[in-house]
Amino acid sequence: MKTKKYLDDLRDKTPEELNTELVTAKKELFNLRFQNATNQLDNTARIRFVRKNIARINTIITQKKTS
């Protein structure tokens, strides 16, 4: 499953790399929302996918802080 592999990759990253990944995902989400508002976005499911990835990254960051 792709999600499992993605989570394993996130767990292997350092907190600095996770923060970089988070910033990149947030920028992508902003761009997707902008494209959606101007009716240029074809795949609207991508917004949901990116939002879930942001939540996954935040979860991994929190887990690393507590352990």
PDB file of N, CA and C in Angstrom:
ATOM      1  N   MET A   1       0.841  -1.184   0.000  1.00  0.00           N
ATOM      2  CA  MET A   1       0.000   0.000   0.000  1.00  0.00           C
ATOM      3  C   MET A   1       0.887   1.248   0.000  1.00  0.00           C
ATOM      4  N   LYS A   2       0.518   2.242  -0.781  1.00  0.00           N
ATOM      5  CA  LYS A   2       1.335   3.439  -0.915  1.00  0.00           C
ATOM      6  C   LYS A   2       1.389   4.247   0.372  1.00  0.00           C
ATOM      7  N   THR A   3       0.286   4.310   1.102  1.00  0.00           N
ATOM      8  CA  THR A   3       0.237   5.097   2.327  1.00  0.00           C
ATOM      9  C   THR A   3       1.196   4.539   3.367  1.00  0.00           C
ATOM     10  N   LYS A   4       1.269   3.230   3.489  1.00  0.00           N
ATOM     11  CA  LYS A   4       2.167   2.596   4.449  1.00  0.00           C
ATOM     12  C   LYS A   4       3.617   2.940   4.128  1.00  0.00           C
ATOM     13  N   LYS A   5       3.970   2.874   2.851  1.00  0.00           N
ATOM     14  CA  LYS A   5       5.332   3.191   2.439  1.00  0.00           C
ATOM     15  C   LYS A   5       5.634   4.663   2.716  1.00  0.00           C
ATOM     16  N   TYR A   6       4.668   5.544   2.447  1.00  0.00           N
ATOM     17  CA  TYR A   6       4.839   6.972   2.688  1.00  0.00           C
ATOM     18  C   TYR A   6       5.055   7.246   4.182  1.00  0.00           C
ATOM     19  N   LEU A   7       4.290   6.567   5.030  1.00  0.00           N
ATOM     20  CA  LEU A   7       4.454   6.745   6.477  1.00  0.00           C
ATOM     21  C   LEU A   7       5.809   6.241   6.941  1.00  0.00           C
ATOM     22  N   ASP A   8       6.263   5.126   6.397  1.00  0.00           N
ATOM     23  CA  ASP A   8       7.583   4.610   6.757  1.00  0.00           C
ATOM     24  C   ASP A   8       8.676   5.595   6.345  1.00  0.00           C
ATOM     25  N   ASP A   9       8.517   6.197   5.181  1.00  0.00           N
ATOM     26  CA  ASP A   9       9.484   7.203   4.738  1.00  0.00           C
ATOM     27  C   ASP A   9       9.483   8.415   5.663  1.00  0.00           C
ATOM     28  N   LEU A  10       8.285   8.826   6.102  1.00  0.00           N
ATOM     29  CA  LEU A  10       8.203   9.969   7.016  1.00  0.00           C
ATOM     30  C   LEU A  10       8.852   9.661   8.362  1.00  0.00           C
ATOM     31  N   ARG A  11       8.654   8.457   8.846  1.00  0.00           N
ATOM     32  CA  ARG A  11       9.225   8.096  10.147  1.00  0.00           C
ATOM     33  C   ARG A  11      10.741   8.066  10.121  1.00  0.00           C
ATOM     34  N   ASP A  12      11.324   7.812   8.954  1.00  0.00           N
ATOM     35  CA  ASP A  12      12.778   7.760   8.825  1.00  0.00           C
ATOM     36  C   ASP A  12      13.417   9.142   8.733  1.00  0.00           C
ATOM     37  N   LYS A  13      12.621  10.171   8.503  1.00  0.00           N
ATOM     38  CA  LYS A  13      13.157  11.520   8.324  1.00  0.00           C
ATOM     39  C   LYS A  13      13.414  12.201   9.659  1.00  0.00           C
ATOM     40  N   THR A  14      14.321  13.170   9.635  1.00  0.00           N
ATOM     41  CA  THR A  14      14.626  13.964  10.825  1.00  0.00           C
ATOM     42  C   THR A  14      13.549  15.034  10.996  1.00  0.00           C
ATOM     43  N   PRO A  15      13.448  15.628  12.183  1.00  0.00           N
ATOM     44  CA  PRO A  15      12.442  16.687  12.388  1.00  0.00           C
ATOM     45  C   PRO A  15      12.601  17.867  11.421  1.00  0.00           C
ATOM     46  N   GLU A  16      13.831  18.206  11.061  1.00  0.00           N
ATOM     47  CA  GLU A  16      14.046  19.308  10.123  1.00  0.00           C
ATOM     48  C   GLU A  16      13.499  18.951   8.737  1.00  0.00           C
ATOM     49  N   GLU A  17      13.734  17.708   8.316  1.00  0.00           N
ATOM     50  CA  GLU A  17      13.213  17.260   7.026  1.00  0.00           C
ATOM     51  C   GLU A  17      11.686  17.215   7.038  1.00  0.00           C
ATOM     52  N   LEU A  18      11.124  16.833   8.180  1.00  0.00           N
ATOM     53  CA  LEU A  18       9.658  16.799   8.298  1.00  0.00           C
ATOM     54  C   LEU A  18       9.076  18.201   8.201  1.00  0.00           C
ATOM     55  N   ASN A  19       9.743  19.168   8.820  1.00  0.00           N
ATOM     56  CA  ASN A  19       9.262  20.549   8.740  1.00  0.00           C
ATOM     57  C   ASN A  19       9.330  21.065   7.309  1.00  0.00           C
ATOM     58  N   THR A  20      10.388  20.708   6.605  1.00  0.00           N
ATOM     59  CA  THR A  20      10.503  21.096   5.200  1.00  0.00           C
ATOM     60  C   THR A  20       9.387  20.460   4.373  1.00  0.00           C
ATOM     61  N   GLU A  21       9.135  19.197   4.632  1.00  0.00           N
ATOM     62  CA  GLU A  21       8.062  18.479   3.932  1.00  0.00           C
ATOM     63  C   GLU A  21       6.704  19.123   4.232  1.00  0.00           C
ATOM     64  N   LEU A  22       6.502  19.546   5.475  1.00  0.00           N
ATOM     65  CA  LEU A  22       5.248  20.177   5.879  1.00  0.00           C
ATOM     66  C   LEU A  22       5.050  21.508   5.154  1.00  0.00           C
ATOM     67  N   VAL A  23       6.095  22.306   5.075  1.00  0.00           N
ATOM     68  CA  VAL A  23       6.009  23.592   4.378  1.00  0.00           C
ATOM     69  C   VAL A  23       5.683  23.377   2.899  1.00  0.00           C
ATOM     70  N   THR A  24       6.327  22.394   2.298  1.00  0.00           N
ATOM     71  CA  THR A  24       6.084  22.091   0.890  1.00  0.00           C
ATOM     72  C   THR A  24       4.637  21.661   0.667  1.00  0.00           C
ATOM     73  N   ALA A  25       4.128  20.814   1.557  1.00  0.00           N
ATOM     74  CA  ALA A  25       2.744  20.338   1.423  1.00  0.00           C
ATOM     75  C   ALA A  25       1.751  21.484   1.604  1.00  0.00           C
ATOM     76  N   LYS A  26       2.034  22.393   2.529  1.00  0.00           N
ATOM     77  CA  LYS A  26       1.132  23.528   2.745  1.00  0.00           C
ATOM     78  C   LYS A  26       1.130  24.467   1.542  1.00  0.00           C
ATOM     79  N   LYS A  27       2.295  24.650   0.929  1.00  0.00           N
ATOM     80  CA  LYS A  27       2.353  25.478  -0.283  1.00  0.00           C
ATOM     81  C   LYS A  27       1.559  24.830  -1.411  1.00  0.00           C
ATOM     82  N   GLU A  28       1.692  23.512  -1.530  1.00  0.00           N
ATOM     83  CA  GLU A  28       0.950  22.802  -2.564  1.00  0.00           C
ATOM     84  C   GLU A  28      -0.555  22.923  -2.333  1.00  0.00           C
ATOM     85  N   LEU A  29      -0.970  22.804  -1.076  1.00  0.00           N
ATOM     86  CA  LEU A  29      -2.391  22.934  -0.751  1.00  0.00           C
ATOM     87  C   LEU A  29      -2.904  24.328  -1.105  1.00  0.00           C
ATOM     88  N   PHE A  30      -2.106  25.346  -0.801  1.00  0.00           N
ATOM     89  CA  PHE A  30      -2.497  26.719  -1.146  1.00  0.00           C
ATOM     90  C   PHE A  30      -2.683  26.858  -2.651  1.00  0.00           C
ATOM     91  N   ASN A  31      -1.726  26.332  -3.412  1.00  0.00           N
ATOM     92  CA  ASN A  31      -1.820  26.419  -4.872  1.00  0.00           C
ATOM     93  C   ASN A  31      -3.023  25.659  -5.409  1.00  0.00           C
ATOM     94  N   LEU A  32      -3.304  24.491  -4.831  1.00  0.00           N
ATOM     95  CA  LEU A  32      -4.462  23.717  -5.269  1.00  0.00           C
ATOM     96  C   LEU A  32      -5.763  24.456  -4.979  1.00  0.00           C
ATOM     97  N   ARG A  33      -5.853  25.080  -3.814  1.00  0.00           N
ATOM     98  CA  ARG A  33      -7.059  25.835  -3.476  1.00  0.00           C
ATOM     99  C   ARG A  33      -7.229  27.031  -4.407  1.00  0.00           C
ATOM    100  N   PHE A  34      -6.116  27.669  -4.736  1.00  0.00           N
ATOM    101  CA  PHE A  34      -6.174  28.804  -5.657  1.00  0.00           C
ATOM    102  C   PHE A  34      -6.642  28.345  -7.030  1.00  0.00           C
ATOM    103  N   GLN A  35      -6.105  27.238  -7.524  1.00  0.00           N
ATOM    104  CA  GLN A  35      -6.523  26.698  -8.817  1.00  0.00           C
ATOM    105  C   GLN A  35      -7.992  26.298  -8.800  1.00  0.00           C
ATOM    106  N   ASN A  36      -8.447  25.751  -7.666  1.00  0.00           N
ATOM    107  CA  ASN A  36      -9.843  25.344  -7.555  1.00  0.00           C
ATOM    108  C   ASN A  36     -10.766  26.562  -7.598  1.00  0.00           C
ATOM    109  N   ALA A  37     -10.348  27.636  -6.951  1.00  0.00           N
ATOM    110  CA  ALA A  37     -11.174  28.839  -6.926  1.00  0.00           C
ATOM    111  C   ALA A  37     -11.289  29.480  -8.304  1.00  0.00           C
ATOM    112  N   THR A  38     -10.248  29.307  -9.120  1.00  0.00           N
ATOM    113  CA  THR A  38     -10.272  29.897 -10.463  1.00  0.00           C
ATOM    114  C   THR A  38     -10.691  28.882 -11.531  1.00  0.00           C
ATOM    115  N   ASN A  39     -11.214  27.753 -11.099  1.00  0.00           N
ATOM    116  CA  ASN A  39     -11.705  26.693 -11.990  1.00  0.00           C
ATOM    117  C   ASN A  39     -10.634  26.155 -12.938  1.00  0.00           C
ATOM    118  N   GLN A  40      -9.408  26.062 -12.463  1.00  0.00           N
ATOM    119  CA  GLN A  40      -8.328  25.505 -13.267  1.00  0.00           C
ATOM    120  C   GLN A  40      -7.939  24.107 -12.802  1.00  0.00           C
ATOM    121  N   LEU A  41      -8.504  23.659 -11.695  1.00  0.00           N
ATOM    122  CA  LEU A  41      -8.122  22.374 -11.123  1.00  0.00           C
ATOM    123  C   LEU A  41      -8.985  21.257 -11.709  1.00  0.00           C
ATOM    124  N   ASP A  42      -8.326  20.246 -12.257  1.00  0.00           N
ATOM    125  CA  ASP A  42      -9.051  19.113 -12.829  1.00  0.00           C
ATOM    126  C   ASP A  42      -9.315  18.031 -11.799  1.00  0.00           C
ATOM    127  N   ASN A  43      -8.323  17.740 -10.968  1.00  0.00           N
ATOM    128  CA  ASN A  43      -8.437  16.655  -9.992  1.00  0.00           C
ATOM    129  C   ASN A  43      -8.661  17.256  -8.600  1.00  0.00           C
ATOM    130  N   THR A  44      -9.924  17.432  -8.232  1.00  0.00           N
ATOM    131  CA  THR A  44     -10.221  18.049  -6.938  1.00  0.00           C
ATOM    132  C   THR A  44      -9.935  17.111  -5.772  1.00  0.00           C
ATOM    133  N   ALA A  45      -9.811  15.817  -6.030  1.00  0.00           N
ATOM    134  CA  ALA A  45      -9.484  14.862  -4.965  1.00  0.00           C
ATOM    135  C   ALA A  45      -8.076  15.083  -4.445  1.00  0.00           C
ATOM    136  N   ARG A  46      -7.249  15.731  -5.234  1.00  0.00           N
ATOM    137  CA  ARG A  46      -5.861  16.007  -4.823  1.00  0.00           C
ATOM    138  C   ARG A  46      -5.830  16.887  -3.569  1.00  0.00           C
ATOM    139  N   ILE A  47      -6.796  17.793  -3.431  1.00  0.00           N
ATOM    140  CA  ILE A  47      -6.858  18.665  -2.249  1.00  0.00           C
ATOM    141  C   ILE A  47      -7.007  17.806  -0.997  1.00  0.00           C
ATOM    142  N   ARG A  48      -7.899  16.855  -1.033  1.00  0.00           N
ATOM    143  CA  ARG A  48      -8.133  15.980   0.116  1.00  0.00           C
ATOM    144  C   ARG A  48      -6.883  15.160   0.434  1.00  0.00           C
ATOM    145  N   PHE A  49      -6.231  14.649  -0.613  1.00  0.00           N
ATOM    146  CA  PHE A  49      -5.025  13.847  -0.445  1.00  0.00           C
ATOM    147  C   PHE A  49      -3.916  14.656   0.230  1.00  0.00           C
ATOM    148  N   VAL A  50      -3.723  15.890  -0.191  1.00  0.00           N
ATOM    149  CA  VAL A  50      -2.678  16.741   0.382  1.00  0.00           C
ATOM    150  C   VAL A  50      -3.020  17.106   1.825  1.00  0.00           C
ATOM    151  N   ARG A  51      -4.296  17.379   2.100  1.00  0.00           N
ATOM    152  CA  ARG A  51      -4.704  17.679   3.475  1.00  0.00           C
ATOM    153  C   ARG A  51      -4.408  16.510   4.412  1.00  0.00           C
ATOM    154  N   LYS A  52      -4.673  15.303   3.943  1.00  0.00           N
ATOM    155  CA  LYS A  52      -4.403  14.121   4.766  1.00  0.00           C
ATOM    156  C   LYS A  52      -2.908  13.931   4.963  1.00  0.00           C
ATOM    157  N   ASN A  53      -2.113  14.226   3.936  1.00  0.00           N
ATOM    158  CA  ASN A  53      -0.666  14.123   4.082  1.00  0.00           C
ATOM    159  C   ASN A  53      -0.139  15.129   5.092  1.00  0.00           C
ATOM    160  N   ILE A  54      -0.707  16.329   5.114  1.00  0.00           N
ATOM    161  CA  ILE A  54      -0.312  17.334   6.108  1.00  0.00           C
ATOM    162  C   ILE A  54      -0.621  16.813   7.504  1.00  0.00           C
ATOM    163  N   ALA A  55      -1.778  16.208   7.680  1.00  0.00           N
ATOM    164  CA  ALA A  55      -2.142  15.643   8.982  1.00  0.00           C
ATOM    165  C   ALA A  55      -1.192  14.517   9.364  1.00  0.00           C
ATOM    166  N   ARG A  56      -0.809  13.692   8.396  1.00  0.00           N
ATOM    167  CA  ARG A  56       0.136  12.607   8.678  1.00  0.00           C
ATOM    168  C   ARG A  56       1.487  13.154   9.119  1.00  0.00           C
ATOM    169  N   ILE A  57       1.956  14.178   8.429  1.00  0.00           N
ATOM    170  CA  ILE A  57       3.249  14.786   8.778  1.00  0.00           C
ATOM    171  C   ILE A  57       3.182  15.374  10.185  1.00  0.00           C
ATOM    172  N   ASN A  58       2.096  16.082  10.493  1.00  0.00           N
ATOM    173  CA  ASN A  58       1.939  16.664  11.834  1.00  0.00           C
ATOM    174  C   ASN A  58       1.912  15.573  12.899  1.00  0.00           C
ATOM    175  N   THR A  59       1.283  14.454  12.613  1.00  0.00           N
ATOM    176  CA  THR A  59       1.216  13.348  13.565  1.00  0.00           C
ATOM    177  C   THR A  59       2.600  12.790  13.837  1.00  0.00           C
ATOM    178  N   ILE A  60       3.387  12.581  12.790  1.00  0.00           N
ATOM    179  CA  ILE A  60       4.741  12.054  12.954  1.00  0.00           C
ATOM    180  C   ILE A  60       5.605  13.037  13.741  1.00  0.00           C
ATOM    181  N   ILE A  61       5.462  14.342  13.463  1.00  0.00           N
ATOM    182  CA  ILE A  61       6.230  15.353  14.208  1.00  0.00           C
ATOM    183  C   ILE A  61       5.880  15.287  15.687  1.00  0.00           C
ATOM    184  N   THR A  62       4.601  15.178  16.000  1.00  0.00           N
ATOM    185  CA  THR A  62       4.165  15.088  17.397  1.00  0.00           C
ATOM    186  C   THR A  62       4.690  13.826  18.060  1.00  0.00           C
ATOM    187  N   GLN A  63       4.658  12.710  17.356  1.00  0.00           N
ATOM    188  CA  GLN A  63       5.174  11.461  17.909  1.00  0.00           C
ATOM    189  C   GLN A  63       6.666  11.556  18.200  1.00  0.00           C
ATOM    190  N   LYS A  64       7.403  12.208  17.336  1.00  0.00           N
ATOM    191  CA  LYS A  64       8.852  12.352  17.545  1.00  0.00           C
ATOM    192  C   LYS A  64       9.150  13.267  18.728  1.00  0.00           C
ATOM    193  N   LYS A  65       8.307  14.284  18.943  1.00  0.00           N
ATOM    194  CA  LYS A  65       8.511  15.193  20.081  1.00  0.00           C
ATOM    195  C   LYS A  65       8.266  14.487  21.410  1.00  0.00           C
ATOM    196  N   THR A  66       7.264  13.617  21.459  1.00  0.00           N
ATOM    197  CA  THR A  66       6.902  12.973  22.723  1.00  0.00           C
ATOM    198  C   THR A  66       7.808  11.784  23.058  1.00  0.00           C
ATOM    199  N   SER A  67       8.465  11.214  22.045  1.00  0.00           N
ATOM    200  CA  SER A  67       9.303  10.043  22.340  1.00  0.00           C
ATOM    201  C   SER A  67      10.759  10.408  22.493  1.00  0.00           C
TER     202      SER A  67
END
